[in-house]
Structure formats: structure tokens, C-alpha cells
C-alpha atoms as a PDB file:
ATOM      1  CA  UNK A   1       4.789 -25.285  -1.124  1.00  0.00           C
ATOM      2  CA  UNK A   2       3.010 -22.335   0.480  1.00  0.00           C
ATOM      3  CA  UNK A   3       5.701 -22.034   3.143  1.00  0.00           C
ATOM      4  CA  UNK A   4       8.631 -21.872   0.687  1.00  0.00           C
ATOM      5  CA  UNK A   5       6.812 -19.326  -1.465  1.00  0.00           C
ATOM      6  CA  UNK A   6       6.187 -17.217   1.644  1.00  0.00           C
ATOM      7  CA  UNK A   7       9.863 -17.378   2.590  1.00  0.00           C
ATOM      8  CA  UNK A   8      10.974 -16.066  -0.801  1.00  0.00           C
ATOM      9  CA  UNK A   9       8.504 -13.204  -0.584  1.00  0.00           C
ATOM     10  CA  UNK A  10       9.699 -12.343   2.928  1.00  0.00           C
ATOM     11  CA  UNK A  11      13.333 -12.289   1.796  1.00  0.00           C
ATOM     12  CA  UNK A  12      12.527 -10.003  -1.149  1.00  0.00           C
ATOM     13  CA  UNK A  13      10.480  -7.632   1.010  1.00  0.00           C
ATOM     14  CA  UNK A  14      13.175  -7.437   3.673  1.00  0.00           C
ATOM     15  CA  UNK A  15      15.941  -6.952   1.118  1.00  0.00           C
ATOM     16  CA  UNK A  16      14.092  -4.158  -0.672  1.00  0.00           C
ATOM     17  CA  UNK A  17      13.427  -2.335   2.582  1.00  0.00           C
ATOM     18  CA  UNK A  18      17.046  -2.649   3.725  1.00  0.00           C
ATOM     19  CA  UNK A  19      18.468  -1.640   0.347  1.00  0.00           C
ATOM     20  CA  UNK A  20      16.232   1.456   0.273  1.00  0.00           C
ATOM     21  CA  UNK A  21      17.327   2.444   3.774  1.00  0.00           C
ATOM     22  CA  UNK A  22      21.025   1.564   3.731  1.00  0.00           C
ATOM     23  CA  UNK A  23      22.116   0.540   0.267  1.00  0.00           C
ATOM     24  CA  UNK A  24      23.353  -2.819  -0.997  1.00  0.00           C
ATOM     25  CA  UNK A  25      27.032  -3.068  -0.099  1.00  0.00           C
ATOM     26  CA  UNK A  26      26.621  -2.802   3.681  1.00  0.00           C
ATOM     27  CA  UNK A  27      24.095  -5.634   3.867  1.00  0.00           C
ATOM     28  CA  UNK A  28      24.887  -9.238   4.702  1.00  0.00           C
ATOM     29  CA  UNK A  29      22.859 -12.357   4.076  1.00  0.00           C
ATOM     30  CA  UNK A  30      22.487 -12.977   7.814  1.00  0.00           C
ATOM     31  CA  UNK A  31      20.959  -9.539   8.394  1.00  0.00           C
ATOM     32  CA  UNK A  32      18.557  -9.963   5.479  1.00  0.00           C
ATOM     33  CA  UNK A  33      17.411 -13.344   6.808  1.00  0.00           C
ATOM     34  CA  UNK A  34      17.042 -12.004  10.348  1.00  0.00           C
ATOM     35  CA  UNK A  35      14.902  -9.116   9.113  1.00  0.00           C
ATOM     36  CA  UNK A  36      12.843 -11.491   6.977  1.00  0.00           C
ATOM     37  CA  UNK A  37      12.451 -13.942   9.854  1.00  0.00           C
ATOM     38  CA  UNK A  38      13.639 -16.926   7.816  1.00  0.00           C
ATOM     39  CA  UNK A  39      16.571 -19.343   8.295  1.00  0.00           C
ATOM     40  CA  UNK A  40      19.731 -18.707   6.311  1.00  0.00           C
ATOM     41  CA  UNK A  41      19.238 -21.957   4.424  1.00  0.00           C
ATOM     42  CA  UNK A  42      16.069 -20.534   2.911  1.00  0.00           C
ATOM     43  CA  UNK A  43      18.093 -17.733   1.334  1.00  0.00           C
ATOM     44  CA  UNK A  44      20.343 -20.087  -0.600  1.00  0.00           C
ATOM     45  CA  UNK A  45      17.396 -22.248  -1.587  1.00  0.00           C
ATOM     46  CA  UNK A  46      15.996 -19.328  -3.574  1.00  0.00           C
ATOM     47  CA  UNK A  47      19.084 -17.239  -4.395  1.00  0.00           C
ATOM     48  CA  UNK A  48      22.562 -18.433  -5.281  1.00  0.00           C
ATOM     49  CA  UNK A  49      24.159 -15.175  -4.117  1.00  0.00           C
ATOM     50  CA  UNK A  50      23.467 -11.717  -2.748  1.00  0.00           C
ATOM     51  CA  UNK A  51      23.868 -10.377  -6.291  1.00  0.00           C
ATOM     52  CA  UNK A  52      21.123 -12.730  -7.498  1.00  0.00           C
ATOM     53  CA  UNK A  53      18.883 -11.399  -4.731  1.00  0.00           C
ATOM     54  CA  UNK A  54      19.672  -7.807  -5.751  1.00  0.00           C
ATOM     55  CA  UNK A  55      18.654  -8.588  -9.329  1.00  0.00           C
ATOM     56  CA  UNK A  56      15.395 -10.118  -8.097  1.00  0.00           C
ATOM     57  CA  UNK A  57      14.689  -7.043  -5.952  1.00  0.00           C
ATOM     58  CA  UNK A  58      15.407  -4.766  -8.920  1.00  0.00           C
ATOM     59  CA  UNK A  59      13.101  -6.789 -11.175  1.00  0.00           C
ATOM     60  CA  UNK A  60      10.286  -6.851  -8.634  1.00  0.00           C
ATOM     61  CA  UNK A  61      10.581  -3.119  -8.010  1.00  0.00           C
ATOM     62  CA  UNK A  62      10.614  -2.413 -11.748  1.00  0.00           C
ATOM     63  CA  UNK A  63       7.552  -4.599 -12.341  1.00  0.00           C
ATOM     64  CA  UNK A  64       5.569  -2.434  -9.912  1.00  0.00           C
ATOM     65  CA  UNK A  65       7.007   0.854 -11.180  1.00  0.00           C
ATOM     66  CA  UNK A  66       6.561  -0.078 -14.833  1.00  0.00           C
ATOM     67  CA  UNK A  67       2.894  -0.840 -14.166  1.00  0.00           C
ATOM     68  CA  UNK A  68       2.454   2.666 -12.732  1.00  0.00           C
ATOM     69  CA  UNK A  69       4.374   4.348 -15.558  1.00  0.00           C
ATOM     70  CA  UNK A  70       2.287   2.536 -18.183  1.00  0.00           C
ATOM     71  CA  UNK A  71      -0.926   3.473 -16.369  1.00  0.00           C
ATOM     72  CA  UNK A  72       0.054   7.143 -16.309  1.00  0.00           C
ATOM     73  CA  UNK A  73       1.879   7.569 -19.611  1.00  0.00           C
ATOM     74  CA  UNK A  74      -0.575   5.582 -21.716  1.00  0.00           C
ATOM     75  CA  UNK A  75      -3.713   7.162 -20.280  1.00  0.00           C
ATOM     76  CA  UNK A  76      -6.249   9.177 -22.304  1.00  0.00           C
ATOM     77  CA  UNK A  77      -4.917  12.521 -21.063  1.00  0.00           C
ATOM     78  CA  UNK A  78      -3.109  14.932 -23.352  1.00  0.00           C
ATOM     79  CA  UNK A  79       0.606  14.063 -23.672  1.00  0.00           C
ATOM     80  CA  UNK A  80       2.043  16.823 -21.500  1.00  0.00           C
ATOM     81  CA  UNK A  81      -0.547  16.224 -18.799  1.00  0.00           C
ATOM     82  CA  UNK A  82       0.549  12.587 -18.678  1.00  0.00           C
ATOM     83  CA  UNK A  83       4.106  13.702 -18.011  1.00  0.00           C
ATOM     84  CA  UNK A  84       2.909  16.108 -15.351  1.00  0.00           C
ATOM     85  CA  UNK A  85       0.931  13.317 -13.713  1.00  0.00           C
ATOM     86  CA  UNK A  86       4.082  11.163 -13.663  1.00  0.00           C
ATOM     87  CA  UNK A  87       6.007  13.902 -11.865  1.00  0.00           C
ATOM     88  CA  UNK A  88       3.160  14.439  -9.393  1.00  0.00           C
ATOM     89  CA  UNK A  89       3.021  10.734  -8.554  1.00  0.00           C
ATOM     90  CA  UNK A  90       6.794  10.633  -8.119  1.00  0.00           C
ATOM     91  CA  UNK A  91       6.663  13.558  -5.691  1.00  0.00           C
ATOM     92  CA  UNK A  92       3.745  11.998  -3.794  1.00  0.00           C
ATOM     93  CA  UNK A  93       5.617   8.696  -3.431  1.00  0.00           C
ATOM     94  CA  UNK A  94       8.698  10.435  -2.032  1.00  0.00           C
ATOM     95  CA  UNK A  95       6.550  12.426   0.418  1.00  0.00           C
ATOM     96  CA  UNK A  96       4.823   9.235   1.554  1.00  0.00           C
ATOM     97  CA  UNK A  97       8.166   7.522   2.094  1.00  0.00           C
ATOM     98  CA  UNK A  98       9.463  10.445   4.110  1.00  0.00           C
ATOM     99  CA  UNK A  99       6.326  10.439   6.258  1.00  0.00           C
ATOM    100  CA  UNK A 100       6.795   6.727   6.963  1.00  0.00           C
ATOM    101  CA  UNK A 101      10.495   6.515   7.794  1.00  0.00           C
ATOM    102  CA  UNK A 102      11.524  10.134   8.339  1.00  0.00           C
ATOM    103  CA  UNK A 103      13.856  10.364   5.357  1.00  0.00           C
ATOM    104  CA  UNK A 104      13.512  10.704   1.597  1.00  0.00           C
ATOM    105  CA  UNK A 105      14.556   7.325   0.193  1.00  0.00           C
ATOM    106  CA  UNK A 106      15.094   8.477  -3.377  1.00  0.00           C
ATOM    107  CA  UNK A 107      14.901   6.166  -6.384  1.00  0.00           C
ATOM    108  CA  UNK A 108      16.149   2.618  -5.844  1.00  0.00           C
ATOM    109  CA  UNK A 109      17.464   2.439  -9.413  1.00  0.00           C
ATOM    110  CA  UNK A 110      19.294   5.751  -9.105  1.00  0.00           C
ATOM    111  CA  UNK A 111      20.704   4.815  -5.705  1.00  0.00           C
ATOM    112  CA  UNK A 112      21.987   1.468  -6.978  1.00  0.00           C
ATOM    113  CA  UNK A 113      23.419   3.090 -10.099  1.00  0.00           C
ATOM    114  CA  UNK A 114      25.538   5.392  -7.951  1.00  0.00           C
ATOM    115  CA  UNK A 115      26.545   2.606  -5.584  1.00  0.00           C
ATOM    116  CA  UNK A 116      27.084  -0.386  -7.843  1.00  0.00           C
ATOM    117  CA  UNK A 117      27.470   0.535 -11.506  1.00  0.00           C
ATOM    118  CA  UNK A 118      31.259   0.107 -11.299  1.00  0.00           C
ATOM    119  CA  UNK A 119      31.097  -3.067  -9.183  1.00  0.00           C
ATOM    120  CA  UNK A 120      29.029  -5.586 -11.108  1.00  0.00           C
ATOM    121  CA  UNK A 121      28.393  -5.643 -14.833  1.00  0.00           C
ATOM    122  CA  UNK A 122      25.258  -7.762 -14.428  1.00  0.00           C
ATOM    123  CA  UNK A 123      23.497  -5.231 -12.243  1.00  0.00           C
ATOM    124  CA  UNK A 124      24.740  -2.322 -14.346  1.00  0.00           C
ATOM    125  CA  UNK A 125      23.321  -3.974 -17.459  1.00  0.00           C
ATOM    126  CA  UNK A 126      19.956  -4.548 -15.808  1.00  0.00           C
ATOM    127  CA  UNK A 127      19.747  -0.929 -14.648  1.00  0.00           C
ATOM    128  CA  UNK A 128      20.607   0.236 -18.170  1.00  0.00           C
ATOM    129  CA  UNK A 129      17.710  -1.825 -19.522  1.00  0.00           C
ATOM    130  CA  UNK A 130      15.322  -0.265 -17.014  1.00  0.00           C
ATOM    131  CA  UNK A 131      16.363   3.311 -17.735  1.00  0.00           C
ATOM    132  CA  UNK A 132      16.188   2.618 -21.473  1.00  0.00           C
ATOM    133  CA  UNK A 133      12.631   1.325 -20.983  1.00  0.00           C
ATOM    134  CA  UNK A 134      11.741   4.509 -19.092  1.00  0.00           C
ATOM    135  CA  UNK A 135      13.186   6.629 -21.891  1.00  0.00           C
ATOM    136  CA  UNK A 136      11.191   4.582 -24.438  1.00  0.00           C
ATOM    137  CA  UNK A 137       7.938   5.381 -22.650  1.00  0.00           C
ATOM    138  CA  UNK A 138       8.704   9.073 -22.252  1.00  0.00           C
ATOM    139  CA  UNK A 139       9.840   9.306 -25.881  1.00  0.00           C
ATOM    140  CA  UNK A 140       6.410   8.133 -27.055  1.00  0.00           C
ATOM    141  CA  UNK A 141       4.763  10.903 -25.047  1.00  0.00           C
ATOM    142  CA  UNK A 142       7.221  13.559 -26.229  1.00  0.00           C
ATOM    143  CA  UNK A 143       6.680  12.496 -29.860  1.00  0.00           C
ATOM    144  CA  UNK A 144       2.910  12.820 -29.419  1.00  0.00           C
ATOM    145  CA  UNK A 145       3.334  16.284 -27.907  1.00  0.00           C
ATOM    146  CA  UNK A 146       5.588  17.262 -30.811  1.00  0.00           C
ATOM    147  CA  UNK A 147       3.021  16.080 -33.379  1.00  0.00           C
ATOM    148  CA  UNK A 148       0.330  18.139 -31.643  1.00  0.00           C
ATOM    149  CA  UNK A 149       2.525  21.235 -31.619  1.00  0.00           C
ATOM    150  CA  UNK A 150       2.633  21.192 -27.802  1.00  0.00           C
ATOM    151  CA  UNK A 151       6.416  20.816 -27.680  1.00  0.00           C
ATOM    152  CA  UNK A 152       9.374  22.019 -29.725  1.00  0.00           C
ATOM    153  CA  UNK A 153      12.336  19.648 -29.654  1.00  0.00           C
ATOM    154  CA  UNK A 154      14.711  18.615 -32.408  1.00  0.00           C
ATOM    155  CA  UNK A 155      15.197  15.029 -31.220  1.00  0.00           C
ATOM    156  CA  UNK A 156      12.426  13.342 -29.166  1.00  0.00           C
ATOM    157  CA  UNK A 157      14.756  10.542 -28.002  1.00  0.00           C
ATOM    158  CA  UNK A 158      17.351  12.941 -26.643  1.00  0.00           C
ATOM    159  CA  UNK A 159      14.628  15.074 -25.056  1.00  0.00           C
ATOM    160  CA  UNK A 160      13.098  12.000 -23.395  1.00  0.00           C
ATOM    161  CA  UNK A 161      16.471  10.978 -22.006  1.00  0.00           C
ATOM    162  CA  UNK A 162      16.877  14.489 -20.596  1.00  0.00           C
ATOM    163  CA  UNK A 163      13.427  14.327 -18.977  1.00  0.00           C
ATOM    164  CA  UNK A 164      14.269  11.021 -17.270  1.00  0.00           C
ATOM    165  CA  UNK A 165      17.658  12.381 -16.204  1.00  0.00           C
ATOM    166  CA  UNK A 166      15.997  15.490 -14.793  1.00  0.00           C
ATOM    167  CA  UNK A 167      13.515  13.370 -12.852  1.00  0.00           C
ATOM    168  CA  UNK A 168      16.297  11.195 -11.432  1.00  0.00           C
ATOM    169  CA  UNK A 169      18.448  14.216 -10.604  1.00  0.00           C
ATOM    170  CA  UNK A 170      15.720  16.060  -8.726  1.00  0.00           C
ATOM    171  CA  UNK A 171      14.864  12.910  -6.758  1.00  0.00           C
ATOM    172  CA  UNK A 172      18.573  12.608  -5.917  1.00  0.00           C
ATOM    173  CA  UNK A 173      18.607  16.190  -4.606  1.00  0.00           C
ATOM    174  CA  UNK A 174      15.462  15.499  -2.570  1.00  0.00           C
ATOM    175  CA  UNK A 175      17.258  12.525  -0.991  1.00  0.00           C
ATOM    176  CA  UNK A 176      20.473  14.484  -0.419  1.00  0.00           C
ATOM    177  CA  UNK A 177      18.724  17.367   1.331  1.00  0.00           C
ATOM    178  CA  UNK A 178      15.959  15.169   2.798  1.00  0.00           C
ATOM    179  CA  UNK A 179      13.564  17.710   1.368  1.00  0.00           C
ATOM    180  CA  UNK A 180      10.757  16.860  -1.049  1.00  0.00           C
ATOM    181  CA  UNK A 181      10.403  20.570  -1.867  1.00  0.00           C
ATOM    182  CA  UNK A 182      13.335  19.926  -4.226  1.00  0.00           C
ATOM    183  CA  UNK A 183      10.804  18.194  -6.494  1.00  0.00           C
ATOM    184  CA  UNK A 184       8.439  21.146  -6.848  1.00  0.00           C
ATOM    185  CA  UNK A 185      10.319  22.646  -9.803  1.00  0.00           C
ATOM    186  CA  UNK A 186      10.189  19.454 -11.843  1.00  0.00           C
ATOM    187  CA  UNK A 187       7.211  20.272 -14.023  1.00  0.00           C
ATOM    188  CA  UNK A 188       8.185  23.830 -14.920  1.00  0.00           C
ATOM    189  CA  UNK A 189      11.734  22.711 -15.705  1.00  0.00           C
ATOM    190  CA  UNK A 190      10.326  19.959 -17.927  1.00  0.00           C
ATOM    191  CA  UNK A 191       8.198  22.467 -19.840  1.00  0.00           C
ATOM    192  CA  UNK A 192      11.281  24.588 -20.469  1.00  0.00           C
ATOM    193  CA  UNK A 193      13.276  21.543 -21.559  1.00  0.00           C
ATOM    194  CA  UNK A 194      10.593  20.553 -24.073  1.00  0.00           C
ATOM    195  CA  UNK A 195      10.054  24.079 -25.370  1.00  0.00           C
ATOM    196  CA  UNK A 196       6.427  23.867 -24.212  1.00  0.00           C
ATOM    197  CA  UNK A 197       4.215  26.719 -23.069  1.00  0.00           C
ATOM    198  CA  UNK A 198       2.654  26.448 -19.597  1.00  0.00           C
ATOM    199  CA  UNK A 199      -1.102  26.270 -19.326  1.00  0.00           C
ATOM    200  CA  UNK A 200      -3.086  28.737 -17.241  1.00  0.00           C
ATOM    201  CA  UNK A 201      -3.121  26.171 -14.434  1.00  0.00           C
ATOM    202  CA  UNK A 202       0.677  25.847 -14.669  1.00  0.00           C
ATOM    203  CA  UNK A 203       1.151  29.613 -14.440  1.00  0.00           C
ATOM    204  CA  UNK A 204      -1.103  29.742 -11.384  1.00  0.00           C
ATOM    205  CA  UNK A 205       1.147  27.295  -9.533  1.00  0.00           C
ATOM    206  CA  UNK A 206       4.400  29.165 -10.118  1.00  0.00           C
END
């Protein structure tokens, strides 16, 4: 039992790494198995298709990311500081990835949205659920900031969707230009989007 469980984990790890580096469409089952160091039969024991593997990779990646978003966005910090912390962790993760492989990998969910949203309805639906969950979490924070008078938006849900879109867009630019400096404007742009006033610390970093 331990060996089969290890094989599934190896396949998922290899697939995630390859998808982050090269995307989904160019990958074949044989290459994934070779990278994972498992026989091809092991792949079909755990996954009925490459699409099923992609869904498993997406779910595993979201489980880890959701844990981090909950940790940051539901902390005891003031609402806007929680958002700032989220942006800082996103930038740090992209810098770490660039230091490891030499390129900015971007967001797996954003990359797959661009690559696959018109190819498979199942994957598109799963990505929609994930982005909706992200918007839900940000909306809670924006609503708290609004109640405190720290933000001025007419519709918290729409503002939260714009914050998530801004985060995804800046990460996309960082990937396109292979330059994490593209992420440095995130926080100040978010403050402007939410109609929030920068703190003294924010002004000092401009």
C-alpha cells in the first residue's frame, strides 16, 4: 500500500512541476511518468486520463494555496494589512520560484485559465470555483475595511473581484517580463482601487 501511495504522490509532484514550467497541452503521459520515475501502468491505476490528473493537480495546489490565504486573510491584523500581507507573500513566492528555476512561473490557475478555459468545460468549471472562493475571502476583508471606514467602495463583491483580477494580472505581467518588480505596485494600486488612504509606512515605501 505504501508503494502505490508513493507512486501517486510522485506523479502529482512531477505533473505540477511540468505544468508550471511548460503548461498542460504539451505534456504527454509518458513524459510525466518518466519524470516521476514510475511505470506508465501506475498512471492509469490512479488517473483515468490526463485531464483527471490535471484536476487532481489543480485541487492539490488549491488546497495548499487556500490554507495560506485563510491563514493570512483571517488573521488578527487589521483588514487592509491582511490584504497587504497577501500581496507580500505572493511577491515572495514568485521571487523564490524565479531564484530556483530562473524564470517567474506565474500563477498555475491563471496560466491554466489562459491555456485551457476554451478546451475543457470540466477544468474551466473547477477554475471558476477556485477564483470564486478567492473572491469570497477577499470580499470578507473588504467588507470589514468598509465597516471600519478604512475603504470606500460601493459594492464589496465587485471590489473584491477587481482585487483578485489585479493580483492575477500583475502576476501575469511578472511572468511575461520575467520580472518580479512588476509586482511592486500591487499594494498601492489596491489602495487606490479600494478608495483607501495609505498609512505612513505605505507612503514611505512609494
